[in-house]
Amino acid sequence: MTTLIFGHQNPDTDAITAAMSWAEFQRQLGNTDVEAVALGKPNAETQYVLDYFKVDAPRVVESIPEGGHVMLVDHNEFQQSVVGIEKLTIDAVVDHHRIANFTTAAPLYYRAEAIGSTNSVICNIFKEHNFEISAQLAGLMAAGLISDTLLLKSPTATPRDKEILPELAKIAGINLEEFGLAMLKAGTNLGARSDKDIIDGDAKSFDMAGQSVRIGQVNTVDLDEIYARQADLTAAMQEEATAEGYDLFLLIATDILNSNSVGFMVGSGKDQIEAAFGQTFDGNNRIDLPGVVSRKKQVVPQLTAAFEG
């Protein structure tokens, strides 16, 4: 039986490339019956990476037969995983997020580090086993790290990430600044994306004090593009929140050039958002989030604390 390896729903670059790098680690470990798959199609940024390194996108899966064996990368919370995850056998998790809503019936391999990307964790594991990282794989791993840390500009970037990324870039034979900026900008072409794709392209669901909270994030080099579409985006958020039962849907638009964000919302939770960030919504239903670029480190913990009071 093939063990499927995948990242979270609405996969970003780290989720998809981490599945591929963990599958390669498993193969070098001797576990050859594994396959890296994805819970969604690659976004524009990820597709740029796959094309650059001449790699096919992983097969997209929507369901897995009950009892199947899986390994999770870049997530652990069940609401972010494949439908029916609780009926599957989870053999391993490699992650760099908080641990929540996760339980298994059997022992498993679990590796989580407070580090910038899942690929950083996997790189550490490769080194611990003295396994080979090919030029192509190094490029994919570097891309995941670049994506999650915004080329090391995010506060999630640790000293270890700053050691790993140049090492991977050297193996891959890429210029970090040139490749990194081109890759990040490839993901900011909003004109070619639908409203639903923008709000869901990088969105995750969380349980915060019993409230279902959906947090989406979109990168841009021009916030005016987001402002021009705010009414349509908000309408799409409201439609999805109603359909899926979200109490709050918060969309964060991040200016990757200036490392600032702006958020807008539908649903309940305005007071908690304002308390979490020490800012207030303006007349356009926007809240400035100066210096905020990381959902994992600068949004989820603060908002969770605000909901829990």
Protein backbone atom coordinates (compact mmCIF):
# COMPACT_ATOMS: atom_id res chain seq x y z
CA MET A 1 0.00 0.00 0.00
CA THR A 2 1.43 3.34 -1.05
CA THR A 3 1.80 5.92 1.71
CA LEU A 4 0.63 9.35 0.58
CA ILE A 5 2.49 12.44 1.75
CA PHE A 6 0.80 15.84 1.58
CA GLY A 7 0.59 19.33 3.02
CA HIS A 8 -2.48 21.32 4.03
CA GLN A 9 -5.52 22.30 1.97
CA ASN A 10 -5.00 25.28 -0.37
CA PRO A 11 -1.33 24.34 -0.49
CA ASP A 12 1.37 26.98 -0.66
CA THR A 13 4.91 26.50 -1.91
CA ASP A 14 6.24 25.11 1.36
CA ALA A 15 3.37 22.61 1.64
CA ILE A 16 3.89 21.20 -1.85
CA THR A 17 7.69 21.17 -1.88
CA ALA A 18 7.86 19.77 1.67
CA ALA A 19 5.74 16.82 0.56
CA MET A 20 8.21 16.23 -2.26
CA SER A 21 11.30 16.59 -0.08
CA TRP A 22 9.88 14.34 2.66
CA ALA A 23 9.02 11.73 0.05
CA GLU A 24 12.63 11.81 -1.15
CA PHE A 25 13.84 11.43 2.43
CA GLN A 26 11.61 8.40 2.87
CA ARG A 27 12.99 6.86 -0.32
CA GLN A 28 16.57 7.36 0.84
CA LEU A 29 15.53 5.83 4.16
CA GLY A 30 14.45 2.74 2.25
CA ASN A 31 10.70 3.37 2.23
CA THR A 32 10.18 3.43 -1.53
CA ASP A 33 6.40 2.96 -1.61
CA VAL A 34 5.55 6.62 -1.02
CA GLU A 35 4.02 9.35 -3.16
CA ALA A 36 3.97 13.10 -2.68
CA VAL A 37 0.49 14.39 -3.48
CA ALA A 38 -1.37 17.66 -2.88
CA LEU A 39 -4.73 18.77 -1.51
CA GLY A 40 -5.13 21.35 -4.26
CA LYS A 41 -3.52 22.73 -7.39
CA PRO A 42 -0.31 24.76 -7.15
CA ASN A 43 -0.76 28.51 -6.89
CA ALA A 44 1.03 30.87 -9.30
CA GLU A 45 4.09 31.17 -7.08
CA THR A 46 4.42 27.41 -6.67
CA GLN A 47 3.88 26.81 -10.39
CA TYR A 48 6.72 29.24 -11.12
CA VAL A 49 8.97 27.16 -8.87
CA LEU A 50 7.94 23.85 -10.42
CA ASP A 51 8.48 25.22 -13.92
CA TYR A 52 11.84 26.74 -12.98
CA PHE A 53 13.18 23.43 -11.69
CA LYS A 54 11.37 21.40 -14.37
CA VAL A 55 9.32 19.32 -11.94
CA ASP A 56 5.79 18.03 -12.49
CA ALA A 57 3.16 19.12 -9.99
CA PRO A 58 2.11 16.42 -7.53
CA ARG A 59 -1.13 14.59 -8.19
CA VAL A 60 -4.12 16.29 -6.54
CA VAL A 61 -6.21 14.10 -4.24
CA GLU A 62 -9.63 14.97 -2.86
CA SER A 63 -10.20 11.85 -0.77
CA ILE A 64 -8.29 8.83 0.49
CA PRO A 65 -9.85 5.42 1.21
CA GLU A 66 -10.48 4.72 4.90
CA GLY A 67 -7.54 3.02 6.57
CA GLY A 68 -5.00 4.40 4.12
CA HIS A 69 -1.55 5.32 5.38
CA VAL A 70 -0.47 8.97 5.17
CA MET A 71 2.24 11.34 6.31
CA LEU A 72 1.46 14.99 6.96
CA VAL A 73 3.80 17.88 6.27
CA ASP A 74 3.35 21.59 7.03
CA HIS A 75 0.21 21.02 9.10
CA ASN A 76 -1.34 18.86 11.80
CA GLU A 77 -4.75 20.36 12.54
CA PHE A 78 -7.42 18.07 11.17
CA GLN A 79 -9.60 20.88 9.77
CA GLN A 80 -6.69 21.86 7.50
CA SER A 81 -6.15 18.33 6.21
CA VAL A 82 -7.86 15.91 3.85
CA VAL A 83 -11.52 15.13 4.49
CA GLY A 84 -11.76 12.01 6.63
CA ILE A 85 -8.25 12.34 8.06
CA GLU A 86 -9.48 10.89 11.36
CA LYS A 87 -10.16 7.58 9.59
CA LEU A 88 -6.66 7.31 8.13
CA THR A 89 -3.47 5.96 9.68
CA ILE A 90 -1.02 8.81 10.19
CA ASP A 91 2.51 7.42 10.16
CA ALA A 92 4.40 10.69 10.48
CA VAL A 93 4.07 14.45 10.83
CA VAL A 94 6.74 17.02 9.99
CA ASP A 95 5.65 20.55 10.78
CA HIS A 96 6.55 24.00 12.09
CA HIS A 97 3.15 25.16 13.36
CA ARG A 98 1.28 24.95 16.63
CA ILE A 99 -0.18 21.56 17.55
CA ALA A 100 -3.96 21.62 17.87
CA ASN A 101 -6.95 19.34 17.22
CA PHE A 102 -4.61 16.42 16.58
CA THR A 103 -4.86 12.89 17.91
CA THR A 104 -3.96 9.41 16.71
CA ALA A 105 -4.82 5.88 17.80
CA ALA A 106 -1.30 4.56 17.25
CA PRO A 107 2.25 5.80 17.83
CA LEU A 108 3.86 7.78 15.03
CA TYR A 109 6.94 9.74 14.05
CA TYR A 110 6.40 13.41 14.92
CA ARG A 111 8.92 16.16 14.27
CA ALA A 112 8.06 19.82 14.81
CA GLU A 113 10.40 22.76 15.18
CA ALA A 114 9.84 26.46 15.78
CA ILE A 115 11.53 27.39 12.53
CA GLY A 116 10.73 29.28 9.35
CA SER A 117 9.51 26.48 7.09
CA THR A 118 8.79 22.78 7.03
CA ASN A 119 11.55 22.42 4.46
CA SER A 120 13.96 23.81 7.06
CA VAL A 121 12.95 21.00 9.41
CA ILE A 122 13.37 18.44 6.65
CA CYS A 123 16.77 19.86 5.70
CA ASN A 124 17.87 19.37 9.29
CA ILE A 125 16.72 15.75 9.15
CA PHE A 126 18.57 15.14 5.87
CA LYS A 127 21.75 16.45 7.49
CA GLU A 128 21.28 14.31 10.59
CA HIS A 129 21.18 11.21 8.35
CA ASN A 130 23.91 12.41 5.98
CA PHE A 131 21.52 11.94 3.07
CA GLU A 132 22.11 13.57 -0.30
CA ILE A 133 20.19 16.67 -1.38
CA SER A 134 20.28 16.97 -5.17
CA ALA A 135 20.45 20.34 -6.94
CA GLN A 136 16.83 20.07 -8.02
CA LEU A 137 15.61 19.09 -4.55
CA ALA A 138 17.69 21.86 -2.95
CA GLY A 139 15.96 24.36 -5.22
CA LEU A 140 12.52 23.11 -4.23
CA MET A 141 13.41 23.18 -0.55
CA ALA A 142 14.88 26.68 -0.85
CA ALA A 143 11.69 27.85 -2.56
CA GLY A 144 9.57 26.59 0.34
CA LEU A 145 11.79 28.43 2.79
CA ILE A 146 11.74 31.62 0.71
CA SER A 147 7.96 31.49 0.44
CA ASP A 148 7.28 31.00 4.14
CA THR A 149 9.81 33.61 5.32
CA LEU A 150 9.41 36.13 2.49
CA LEU A 151 13.08 35.75 1.61
CA LEU A 152 14.06 35.77 5.32
CA LYS A 153 12.29 39.11 5.94
CA SER A 154 9.54 37.56 8.06
CA PRO A 155 9.91 37.40 11.86
CA THR A 156 9.43 33.64 11.49
CA ALA A 157 12.93 33.42 9.98
CA THR A 158 15.28 31.99 12.61
CA PRO A 159 19.09 32.02 12.71
CA ARG A 160 18.97 28.42 11.53
CA ASP A 161 16.90 29.37 8.48
CA LYS A 162 19.50 32.01 7.65
CA GLU A 163 22.14 29.28 7.64
CA ILE A 164 20.09 26.76 5.68
CA LEU A 165 18.87 28.97 2.84
CA PRO A 166 22.30 29.99 1.46
CA GLU A 167 23.43 26.36 1.70
CA LEU A 168 20.44 25.19 -0.33
CA ALA A 169 20.87 28.01 -2.83
CA LYS A 170 24.50 27.02 -3.37
CA ILE A 171 23.57 23.39 -4.01
CA ALA A 172 20.75 24.48 -6.35
CA GLY A 173 22.96 26.96 -8.19
CA ILE A 174 20.56 29.89 -7.83
CA ASN A 175 21.05 33.55 -6.98
CA LEU A 176 18.94 33.99 -3.87
CA GLU A 177 17.87 37.59 -4.40
CA GLU A 178 17.10 37.23 -8.10
CA PHE A 179 15.29 33.92 -7.82
CA GLY A 180 13.55 34.80 -4.56
CA LEU A 181 12.11 38.10 -5.75
CA ALA A 182 11.03 36.65 -9.10
CA MET A 183 9.33 33.78 -7.32
CA LEU A 184 7.51 35.97 -4.80
CA LYS A 185 6.39 38.41 -7.48
CA ALA A 186 5.04 35.52 -9.57
CA GLY A 187 2.51 34.96 -6.82
CA THR A 188 1.26 38.56 -6.79
CA ASN A 189 -0.40 38.68 -10.22
CA LEU A 190 -3.87 39.28 -8.82
CA GLY A 191 -5.42 40.37 -12.10
CA ALA A 192 -5.43 36.79 -13.34
CA ARG A 193 -7.07 35.42 -10.19
CA SER A 194 -10.74 35.15 -9.28
CA ASP A 195 -12.14 36.57 -6.06
CA LYS A 196 -12.56 33.05 -4.67
CA ASP A 197 -8.99 32.16 -5.55
CA ILE A 198 -7.69 35.23 -3.77
CA ILE A 199 -9.61 34.61 -0.55
CA ASP A 200 -8.95 30.87 -0.54
CA GLY A 201 -5.56 30.62 -2.24
CA ASP A 202 -3.77 30.71 1.11
CA ALA A 203 -6.46 30.30 3.74
CA LYS A 204 -6.61 28.15 6.85
CA SER A 205 -9.34 27.43 9.38
CA PHE A 206 -8.84 27.58 13.13
CA ASP A 207 -10.86 26.88 16.24
CA MET A 208 -10.52 29.80 18.63
CA ALA A 209 -12.41 29.44 21.90
CA GLY A 210 -15.15 27.53 20.13
CA GLN A 211 -15.38 29.97 17.23
CA SER A 212 -14.68 28.84 13.66
CA VAL A 213 -12.18 31.35 12.30
CA ARG A 214 -11.00 31.43 8.70
CA ILE A 215 -7.85 33.44 7.98
CA GLY A 216 -6.77 34.04 4.41
CA GLN A 217 -3.62 35.81 3.27
CA VAL A 218 -2.70 37.21 -0.11
CA ASN A 219 0.62 38.77 -1.11
CA THR A 220 0.78 41.83 -3.32
CA VAL A 221 3.18 44.53 -4.46
CA ASP A 222 0.35 47.07 -4.70
CA LEU A 223 -2.35 47.25 -2.03
CA ASP A 224 -4.46 49.44 -4.31
CA GLU A 225 -5.18 46.30 -6.35
CA ILE A 226 -6.79 44.79 -3.28
CA TYR A 227 -8.67 47.97 -2.36
CA ALA A 228 -10.17 48.14 -5.87
CA ARG A 229 -11.62 44.65 -5.41
CA GLN A 230 -12.48 44.84 -1.73
CA ALA A 231 -16.26 44.92 -2.22
CA ASP A 232 -16.20 41.83 -4.42
CA LEU A 233 -13.73 40.04 -2.16
CA THR A 234 -15.84 40.80 0.90
CA ALA A 235 -18.95 39.48 -0.85
CA ALA A 236 -17.10 36.26 -1.71
CA MET A 237 -15.92 35.96 1.89
CA GLN A 238 -19.47 36.40 3.19
CA GLU A 239 -20.83 33.79 0.78
CA GLU A 240 -18.22 31.27 1.86
CA ALA A 241 -18.60 32.05 5.56
CA THR A 242 -22.34 31.43 5.29
CA ALA A 243 -21.88 28.21 3.35
CA GLU A 244 -19.14 26.79 5.58
CA GLY A 245 -20.32 28.10 8.94
CA TYR A 246 -17.36 30.37 9.70
CA ASP A 247 -17.99 32.79 12.55
CA LEU A 248 -15.23 35.05 11.26
CA PHE A 249 -13.44 35.34 7.93
CA LEU A 250 -10.40 37.61 8.03
CA LEU A 251 -8.41 38.36 4.88
CA ILE A 252 -4.92 39.78 5.26
CA ALA A 253 -3.33 41.52 2.29
CA THR A 254 0.45 41.68 2.67
CA ASP A 255 2.65 44.17 0.87
CA ILE A 256 5.77 42.05 0.37
CA LEU A 257 7.92 45.01 -0.65
CA ASN A 258 7.22 47.08 2.48
CA SER A 259 6.49 44.27 4.96
CA ASN A 260 3.12 45.62 6.07
CA SER A 261 -0.40 44.27 5.90
CA VAL A 262 -4.01 45.41 5.84
CA GLY A 263 -6.93 43.27 6.94
CA PHE A 264 -10.67 43.24 6.37
CA MET A 265 -13.33 40.91 7.67
CA VAL A 266 -16.85 39.53 7.60
CA GLY A 267 -18.73 37.97 10.48
CA SER A 268 -18.24 38.50 14.22
CA GLY A 269 -14.98 39.17 16.00
CA LYS A 270 -14.25 42.82 15.24
CA ASP A 271 -13.55 43.60 18.90
CA GLN A 272 -11.17 40.65 19.20
CA ILE A 273 -9.27 41.67 16.06
CA GLU A 274 -8.86 45.23 17.27
CA ALA A 275 -7.75 44.02 20.69
CA ALA A 276 -5.31 41.54 19.17
CA PHE A 277 -3.49 44.14 17.09
CA GLY A 278 -4.06 47.37 19.00
CA GLN A 279 -5.56 48.94 15.89
CA THR A 280 -9.08 49.93 14.84
CA PHE A 281 -11.03 49.37 11.66
CA ASP A 282 -11.50 52.50 9.57
CA GLY A 283 -14.58 53.60 7.64
CA ASN A 284 -13.61 51.31 4.78
CA ASN A 285 -13.67 48.23 7.02
CA ARG A 286 -9.87 48.03 6.87
CA ILE A 287 -7.44 47.59 9.70
CA ASP A 288 -3.78 48.52 9.33
CA LEU A 289 -1.36 45.84 10.49
CA PRO A 290 2.06 47.54 10.40
CA GLY A 291 4.95 45.11 10.31
CA VAL A 292 2.67 42.08 10.12
CA VAL A 293 3.65 39.53 7.46
CA SER A 294 3.33 36.16 9.20
CA ARG A 295 -0.05 34.59 9.91
CA LYS A 296 1.59 31.85 11.97
CA LYS A 297 3.54 34.12 14.30
CA GLN A 298 1.89 37.55 14.15
CA VAL A 299 -1.80 36.77 13.65
CA VAL A 300 -2.93 33.37 14.95
CA PRO A 301 -1.41 33.56 18.46
CA GLN A 302 -2.58 37.13 19.05
CA LEU A 303 -6.07 36.49 17.76
CA THR A 304 -6.39 33.23 19.69
CA ALA A 305 -5.43 35.05 22.90
CA ALA A 306 -7.98 37.77 22.19
CA PHE A 307 -10.78 35.23 21.67
CA GLU A 308 -9.83 33.34 24.81
CA GLY A 309 -9.93 36.58 26.76
